[in-house]
Every structure is written in structure tokens, then in C-alpha cells.
Amino acid sequence: MTLGLLFILLGKMNFTGLHGDILIKRENFSFYFPIVTCIVISLVISLLFNLFRR
């Protein structure tokens, strides 16, 4: 839930994501899949968990 709110807030601040995220815009359709952003967030969270576990 927190991650979803973060994406909504970043979207309102015109954060379009990182290079490598998938964005498809058509006339009446748009699709956004933040694959690279998700990978970076996952790496950061994993590093934080590893630091706090020790």
C-alpha cells in the first residue's frame, strides 16, 4: 500500500520513471510498467534490510 501511494505521489510530481521503464501511449490507451524503478527499489530495500539485520 505504501509503495502504491509513493507511485501516485511521484506521478503527480511529473516523475516519469527511470530509463528502461515501459511506457506505451496510444490514442485512447496508455500503459506504464515501471520495471527498472521496481528493480532499483527492490535493491535499495534489500540493502537496507541487510544493514539493519547485522
Protein backbone atom coordinates (compact mmCIF):
# COMPACT_ATOMS: atom_id res chain seq x y z
CA MET A 1 0.00 0.00 0.00
CA THR A 2 2.79 2.39 0.87
CA LEU A 3 4.52 1.66 -2.43
CA GLY A 4 1.32 2.38 -4.34
CA LEU A 5 0.96 5.75 -2.62
CA LEU A 6 4.57 6.52 -3.45
CA PHE A 7 3.96 5.86 -7.15
CA ILE A 8 0.85 8.07 -7.09
CA LEU A 9 2.75 10.92 -5.44
CA LEU A 10 5.67 10.61 -7.85
CA GLY A 11 3.25 10.61 -10.76
CA LYS A 12 1.72 13.87 -9.56
CA MET A 13 5.19 15.40 -9.33
CA ASN A 14 5.81 14.55 -13.02
CA PHE A 15 8.26 11.78 -12.18
CA THR A 16 8.22 9.72 -15.35
CA GLY A 17 10.46 6.94 -14.08
CA LEU A 18 13.87 5.69 -14.98
CA HIS A 19 15.25 4.79 -18.38
CA GLY A 20 14.13 1.28 -19.20
CA ASP A 21 10.63 1.60 -17.78
CA ILE A 22 8.00 0.56 -20.30
CA LEU A 23 5.62 3.29 -21.48
CA ILE A 24 3.16 2.71 -24.31
CA LYS A 25 0.88 5.57 -25.37
CA ARG A 26 -1.85 5.16 -27.94
CA GLU A 27 -4.77 7.36 -28.88
CA ASN A 28 -7.14 6.19 -26.13
CA PHE A 29 -4.80 4.00 -24.12
CA SER A 30 -1.67 4.33 -22.03
CA PHE A 31 0.29 1.59 -20.30
CA TYR A 32 3.15 2.17 -17.85
CA PHE A 33 5.18 -0.66 -16.35
CA PRO A 34 7.99 0.61 -14.08
CA ILE A 35 10.27 -2.45 -14.32
CA VAL A 36 13.59 -0.65 -13.76
CA THR A 37 12.14 1.50 -10.99
CA CYS A 38 10.86 -1.63 -9.22
CA ILE A 39 14.27 -3.30 -9.52
CA VAL A 40 16.05 -0.27 -8.06
CA ILE A 41 13.57 0.00 -5.18
CA SER A 42 13.94 -3.73 -4.50
CA LEU A 43 17.74 -3.44 -4.39
CA VAL A 44 17.61 -0.47 -2.02
CA ILE A 45 15.16 -2.21 0.32
CA SER A 46 17.27 -5.40 0.29
CA LEU A 47 20.40 -3.42 1.14
CA LEU A 48 18.62 -1.66 4.00
CA PHE A 49 17.33 -4.94 5.43
CA ASN A 50 20.82 -6.45 5.23
CA LEU A 51 22.32 -3.45 7.01
CA PHE A 52 19.78 -3.50 9.83
CA ARG A 53 19.96 -7.27 10.27
CA ARG A 54 23.63 -7.14 11.26
